[in-house]
């Protein structure tokens, strides 16, 4: 079963100061997504995939940035056609109903009930965990998805804390 938690308290360690400065400098530029990616990599032991997107619901979402291994972007049309309605990230929106609310979804392949979705987006690629931080904005939810490969293992608690802090700083800059 996936783990959905509302985040009611978060702190930004001083190590995020440099990251925040870099994010501020990248607002509105083509480098914003890659700056978020580099920040994730500097705060964790690694990430195989990263997606930044906004959504008003399951059927209305806009991918703003992605970084993933070659070939994954070829699966995006299949995801949008067959699997988007099955993605647990959309179920996590209910944990962030009001403006500025934040929630975290932590899923593993076994949490994905659709065999096709699980196989194509998790098992075939060796993805062992995906963490989504969802922040409610005035008009939409803003989301960062970060996925880990088996070689990197699952996220440690300290990495999750860093991702939450990063997301709380970066996601308001997304629109």
C-alpha atoms as a PDB file:
ATOM      1  CA  UNK A   1       0.000   0.000   0.000  1.00  0.00           C
ATOM      2  CA  UNK A   2       1.366   3.418  -0.921  1.00  0.00           C
ATOM      3  CA  UNK A   3       2.188   5.871   1.856  1.00  0.00           C
ATOM      4  CA  UNK A   4       0.469   9.270   1.617  1.00  0.00           C
ATOM      5  CA  UNK A   5       1.317  11.782   4.323  1.00  0.00           C
ATOM      6  CA  UNK A   6       0.299  15.377   4.785  1.00  0.00           C
ATOM      7  CA  UNK A   7       3.363  17.469   5.593  1.00  0.00           C
ATOM      8  CA  UNK A   8       2.487  19.912   8.352  1.00  0.00           C
ATOM      9  CA  UNK A   9       5.977  20.885   9.450  1.00  0.00           C
ATOM     10  CA  UNK A  10       9.179  21.170   7.482  1.00  0.00           C
ATOM     11  CA  UNK A  11      12.508  22.810   8.021  1.00  0.00           C
ATOM     12  CA  UNK A  12      15.154  23.872   5.563  1.00  0.00           C
ATOM     13  CA  UNK A  13      18.660  23.022   6.758  1.00  0.00           C
ATOM     14  CA  UNK A  14      21.356  25.604   6.134  1.00  0.00           C
ATOM     15  CA  UNK A  15      22.698  23.344   3.371  1.00  0.00           C
ATOM     16  CA  UNK A  16      19.633  24.372   1.337  1.00  0.00           C
ATOM     17  CA  UNK A  17      20.757  28.022   1.382  1.00  0.00           C
ATOM     18  CA  UNK A  18      23.065  27.555  -1.617  1.00  0.00           C
ATOM     19  CA  UNK A  19      20.431  25.488  -3.419  1.00  0.00           C
ATOM     20  CA  UNK A  20      17.799  28.181  -2.788  1.00  0.00           C
ATOM     21  CA  UNK A  21      20.085  30.869  -4.234  1.00  0.00           C
ATOM     22  CA  UNK A  22      20.564  28.757  -7.362  1.00  0.00           C
ATOM     23  CA  UNK A  23      16.819  28.200  -7.689  1.00  0.00           C
ATOM     24  CA  UNK A  24      16.119  31.919  -7.361  1.00  0.00           C
ATOM     25  CA  UNK A  25      18.625  32.604 -10.129  1.00  0.00           C
ATOM     26  CA  UNK A  26      16.960  30.038 -12.400  1.00  0.00           C
ATOM     27  CA  UNK A  27      13.330  31.179 -12.027  1.00  0.00           C
ATOM     28  CA  UNK A  28      11.755  31.697 -15.430  1.00  0.00           C
ATOM     29  CA  UNK A  29      14.720  30.323 -17.358  1.00  0.00           C
ATOM     30  CA  UNK A  30      15.262  27.135 -19.343  1.00  0.00           C
ATOM     31  CA  UNK A  31      17.667  26.058 -16.584  1.00  0.00           C
ATOM     32  CA  UNK A  32      15.068  25.895 -13.808  1.00  0.00           C
ATOM     33  CA  UNK A  33      14.318  22.180 -14.270  1.00  0.00           C
ATOM     34  CA  UNK A  34      17.967  21.181 -14.512  1.00  0.00           C
ATOM     35  CA  UNK A  35      18.710  23.307 -11.429  1.00  0.00           C
ATOM     36  CA  UNK A  36      16.044  21.378  -9.501  1.00  0.00           C
ATOM     37  CA  UNK A  37      17.534  18.107 -10.820  1.00  0.00           C
ATOM     38  CA  UNK A  38      21.047  19.114  -9.760  1.00  0.00           C
ATOM     39  CA  UNK A  39      19.682  20.116  -6.357  1.00  0.00           C
ATOM     40  CA  UNK A  40      18.030  16.704  -5.912  1.00  0.00           C
ATOM     41  CA  UNK A  41      21.293  15.005  -6.842  1.00  0.00           C
ATOM     42  CA  UNK A  42      23.272  17.136  -4.391  1.00  0.00           C
ATOM     43  CA  UNK A  43      20.853  16.406  -1.525  1.00  0.00           C
ATOM     44  CA  UNK A  44      20.401  12.662  -2.064  1.00  0.00           C
ATOM     45  CA  UNK A  45      22.384   9.577  -2.966  1.00  0.00           C
ATOM     46  CA  UNK A  46      20.911   9.761  -6.458  1.00  0.00           C
ATOM     47  CA  UNK A  47      17.791   9.776  -8.564  1.00  0.00           C
ATOM     48  CA  UNK A  48      17.060   7.984 -11.822  1.00  0.00           C
ATOM     49  CA  UNK A  49      14.061  10.067 -12.867  1.00  0.00           C
ATOM     50  CA  UNK A  50      12.688  13.473 -12.031  1.00  0.00           C
ATOM     51  CA  UNK A  51       9.445  15.052 -13.213  1.00  0.00           C
ATOM     52  CA  UNK A  52       8.049  18.508 -12.464  1.00  0.00           C
ATOM     53  CA  UNK A  53       4.426  19.116 -13.380  1.00  0.00           C
ATOM     54  CA  UNK A  54       1.285  21.043 -12.594  1.00  0.00           C
ATOM     55  CA  UNK A  55      -2.223  19.613 -12.546  1.00  0.00           C
ATOM     56  CA  UNK A  56      -5.792  20.619 -11.879  1.00  0.00           C
ATOM     57  CA  UNK A  57      -6.845  16.948 -11.849  1.00  0.00           C
ATOM     58  CA  UNK A  58      -6.152  13.556 -13.422  1.00  0.00           C
ATOM     59  CA  UNK A  59      -7.143  14.670 -16.881  1.00  0.00           C
ATOM     60  CA  UNK A  60      -5.472  18.066 -16.847  1.00  0.00           C
ATOM     61  CA  UNK A  61      -1.758  17.983 -16.156  1.00  0.00           C
ATOM     62  CA  UNK A  62       1.180  19.736 -17.731  1.00  0.00           C
ATOM     63  CA  UNK A  63       4.694  18.311 -17.622  1.00  0.00           C
ATOM     64  CA  UNK A  64       7.082  21.225 -17.075  1.00  0.00           C
ATOM     65  CA  UNK A  65      10.395  19.340 -16.927  1.00  0.00           C
ATOM     66  CA  UNK A  66      11.698  15.800 -16.922  1.00  0.00           C
ATOM     67  CA  UNK A  67      15.024  14.059 -16.592  1.00  0.00           C
ATOM     68  CA  UNK A  68      15.142  10.314 -17.135  1.00  0.00           C
ATOM     69  CA  UNK A  69      17.069   7.547 -18.796  1.00  0.00           C
ATOM     70  CA  UNK A  70      16.944   7.264 -22.612  1.00  0.00           C
ATOM     71  CA  UNK A  71      13.762   5.734 -23.952  1.00  0.00           C
ATOM     72  CA  UNK A  72      11.487   6.635 -21.056  1.00  0.00           C
ATOM     73  CA  UNK A  73      10.144   9.718 -22.803  1.00  0.00           C
ATOM     74  CA  UNK A  74       9.028   7.368 -25.606  1.00  0.00           C
ATOM     75  CA  UNK A  75       6.615   5.880 -23.045  1.00  0.00           C
ATOM     76  CA  UNK A  76       4.918   9.231 -22.289  1.00  0.00           C
ATOM     77  CA  UNK A  77       2.146   8.770 -24.911  1.00  0.00           C
ATOM     78  CA  UNK A  78       1.335   5.311 -23.493  1.00  0.00           C
ATOM     79  CA  UNK A  79       1.331   6.764 -19.970  1.00  0.00           C
ATOM     80  CA  UNK A  80      -1.106   9.520 -20.978  1.00  0.00           C
ATOM     81  CA  UNK A  81      -3.365   7.120 -22.878  1.00  0.00           C
ATOM     82  CA  UNK A  82      -3.348   4.028 -20.663  1.00  0.00           C
ATOM     83  CA  UNK A  83      -1.913   4.691 -17.224  1.00  0.00           C
ATOM     84  CA  UNK A  84      -2.352   8.291 -16.088  1.00  0.00           C
ATOM     85  CA  UNK A  85      -5.713   7.491 -14.493  1.00  0.00           C
ATOM     86  CA  UNK A  86      -4.052   4.665 -12.521  1.00  0.00           C
ATOM     87  CA  UNK A  87      -1.151   6.706 -11.141  1.00  0.00           C
ATOM     88  CA  UNK A  88      -1.399   6.946  -7.328  1.00  0.00           C
ATOM     89  CA  UNK A  89       0.020  10.485  -7.381  1.00  0.00           C
ATOM     90  CA  UNK A  90      -3.421  11.819  -8.236  1.00  0.00           C
ATOM     91  CA  UNK A  91      -4.891  10.098  -5.174  1.00  0.00           C
ATOM     92  CA  UNK A  92      -2.430  12.043  -3.029  1.00  0.00           C
ATOM     93  CA  UNK A  93      -3.957  15.387  -4.050  1.00  0.00           C
ATOM     94  CA  UNK A  94      -6.660  14.925  -1.425  1.00  0.00           C
ATOM     95  CA  UNK A  95      -3.945  15.210   1.256  1.00  0.00           C
ATOM     96  CA  UNK A  96      -3.163  18.750   0.006  1.00  0.00           C
ATOM     97  CA  UNK A  97      -6.612  20.307  -0.459  1.00  0.00           C
ATOM     98  CA  UNK A  98      -5.933  23.939   0.501  1.00  0.00           C
ATOM     99  CA  UNK A  99      -3.536  26.501  -0.932  1.00  0.00           C
ATOM    100  CA  UNK A 100       0.016  25.929   0.372  1.00  0.00           C
ATOM    101  CA  UNK A 101      -0.799  22.455   1.751  1.00  0.00           C
ATOM    102  CA  UNK A 102       1.942  19.885   1.125  1.00  0.00           C
ATOM    103  CA  UNK A 103       1.751  16.115   0.940  1.00  0.00           C
ATOM    104  CA  UNK A 104       4.185  13.332   0.186  1.00  0.00           C
ATOM    105  CA  UNK A 105       3.476  10.081  -1.608  1.00  0.00           C
ATOM    106  CA  UNK A 106       5.956   7.242  -1.337  1.00  0.00           C
ATOM    107  CA  UNK A 107       5.302   4.261  -3.600  1.00  0.00           C
ATOM    108  CA  UNK A 108       7.092   1.074  -4.487  1.00  0.00           C
ATOM    109  CA  UNK A 109       6.374  -1.168  -7.476  1.00  0.00           C
ATOM    110  CA  UNK A 110       4.241  -3.502  -5.364  1.00  0.00           C
ATOM    111  CA  UNK A 111       1.909  -0.544  -4.658  1.00  0.00           C
ATOM    112  CA  UNK A 112       0.972  -0.311  -8.352  1.00  0.00           C
ATOM    113  CA  UNK A 113      -2.039  -2.537  -8.981  1.00  0.00           C
ATOM    114  CA  UNK A 114      -1.877  -2.359 -12.784  1.00  0.00           C
ATOM    115  CA  UNK A 115       0.573  -5.005 -13.996  1.00  0.00           C
ATOM    116  CA  UNK A 116       1.187  -3.131 -17.271  1.00  0.00           C
ATOM    117  CA  UNK A 117       1.879   0.181 -15.546  1.00  0.00           C
ATOM    118  CA  UNK A 118       4.104  -1.446 -12.938  1.00  0.00           C
ATOM    119  CA  UNK A 119       6.028  -3.453 -15.541  1.00  0.00           C
ATOM    120  CA  UNK A 120       6.622  -0.613 -18.014  1.00  0.00           C
ATOM    121  CA  UNK A 121       7.436   2.195 -15.610  1.00  0.00           C
ATOM    122  CA  UNK A 122       8.944   0.443 -12.607  1.00  0.00           C
ATOM    123  CA  UNK A 123       9.996  -3.200 -12.987  1.00  0.00           C
ATOM    124  CA  UNK A 124      11.537  -3.088 -16.480  1.00  0.00           C
ATOM    125  CA  UNK A 125      13.693  -0.131 -15.460  1.00  0.00           C
ATOM    126  CA  UNK A 126      14.622  -1.378 -11.995  1.00  0.00           C
ATOM    127  CA  UNK A 127      12.807   1.487 -10.249  1.00  0.00           C
ATOM    128  CA  UNK A 128      12.393   0.532  -6.586  1.00  0.00           C
ATOM    129  CA  UNK A 129      10.712   3.665  -5.251  1.00  0.00           C
ATOM    130  CA  UNK A 130       9.112   6.912  -6.369  1.00  0.00           C
ATOM    131  CA  UNK A 131       8.545   9.835  -4.050  1.00  0.00           C
ATOM    132  CA  UNK A 132       6.148  12.610  -5.003  1.00  0.00           C
ATOM    133  CA  UNK A 133       5.919  15.892  -3.134  1.00  0.00           C
ATOM    134  CA  UNK A 134       2.644  17.648  -3.897  1.00  0.00           C
ATOM    135  CA  UNK A 135       1.985  21.290  -3.081  1.00  0.00           C
ATOM    136  CA  UNK A 136      -1.373  22.931  -3.582  1.00  0.00           C
ATOM    137  CA  UNK A 137      -1.182  26.289  -5.323  1.00  0.00           C
ATOM    138  CA  UNK A 138      -3.979  28.787  -5.881  1.00  0.00           C
ATOM    139  CA  UNK A 139      -5.115  27.183  -9.150  1.00  0.00           C
ATOM    140  CA  UNK A 140      -3.374  23.803  -9.327  1.00  0.00           C
ATOM    141  CA  UNK A 141      -1.232  21.234  -7.632  1.00  0.00           C
ATOM    142  CA  UNK A 142       2.494  21.424  -8.283  1.00  0.00           C
ATOM    143  CA  UNK A 143       4.402  18.161  -8.095  1.00  0.00           C
ATOM    144  CA  UNK A 144       7.938  16.867  -8.074  1.00  0.00           C
ATOM    145  CA  UNK A 145       8.340  13.118  -8.679  1.00  0.00           C
ATOM    146  CA  UNK A 146      11.712  11.563  -7.944  1.00  0.00           C
ATOM    147  CA  UNK A 147      12.348   7.886  -8.707  1.00  0.00           C
ATOM    148  CA  UNK A 148      15.173   5.662  -7.488  1.00  0.00           C
ATOM    149  CA  UNK A 149      16.834   2.722  -9.201  1.00  0.00           C
ATOM    150  CA  UNK A 150      17.694  -0.507  -7.374  1.00  0.00           C
ATOM    151  CA  UNK A 151      21.384   0.455  -7.479  1.00  0.00           C
ATOM    152  CA  UNK A 152      20.609   3.543  -5.364  1.00  0.00           C
ATOM    153  CA  UNK A 153      18.165   1.850  -2.998  1.00  0.00           C
ATOM    154  CA  UNK A 154      15.158   3.415  -1.354  1.00  0.00           C
ATOM    155  CA  UNK A 155      15.235   6.916   0.086  1.00  0.00           C
ATOM    156  CA  UNK A 156      16.536   7.336   3.628  1.00  0.00           C
ATOM    157  CA  UNK A 157      14.588   9.524   6.072  1.00  0.00           C
ATOM    158  CA  UNK A 158      17.207  12.288   5.899  1.00  0.00           C
ATOM    159  CA  UNK A 159      16.891  12.307   2.096  1.00  0.00           C
ATOM    160  CA  UNK A 160      13.107  12.536   2.346  1.00  0.00           C
ATOM    161  CA  UNK A 161      13.449  15.514   4.698  1.00  0.00           C
ATOM    162  CA  UNK A 162      15.778  17.191   2.194  1.00  0.00           C
ATOM    163  CA  UNK A 163      13.392  16.500  -0.695  1.00  0.00           C
ATOM    164  CA  UNK A 164      10.473  17.959   1.255  1.00  0.00           C
ATOM    165  CA  UNK A 165      12.489  21.094   2.063  1.00  0.00           C
ATOM    166  CA  UNK A 166      13.608  21.438  -1.550  1.00  0.00           C
ATOM    167  CA  UNK A 167      10.071  20.934  -2.850  1.00  0.00           C
ATOM    168  CA  UNK A 168       8.606  23.486  -0.441  1.00  0.00           C
ATOM    169  CA  UNK A 169      11.130  26.036  -1.728  1.00  0.00           C
ATOM    170  CA  UNK A 170      11.091  25.121  -5.432  1.00  0.00           C
ATOM    171  CA  UNK A 171       7.486  24.235  -6.249  1.00  0.00           C
ATOM    172  CA  UNK A 172       6.100  27.769  -5.727  1.00  0.00           C
ATOM    173  CA  UNK A 173       8.630  28.893  -8.346  1.00  0.00           C
ATOM    174  CA  UNK A 174       7.283  26.457 -10.943  1.00  0.00           C
ATOM    175  CA  UNK A 175       4.346  28.400 -12.418  1.00  0.00           C
END
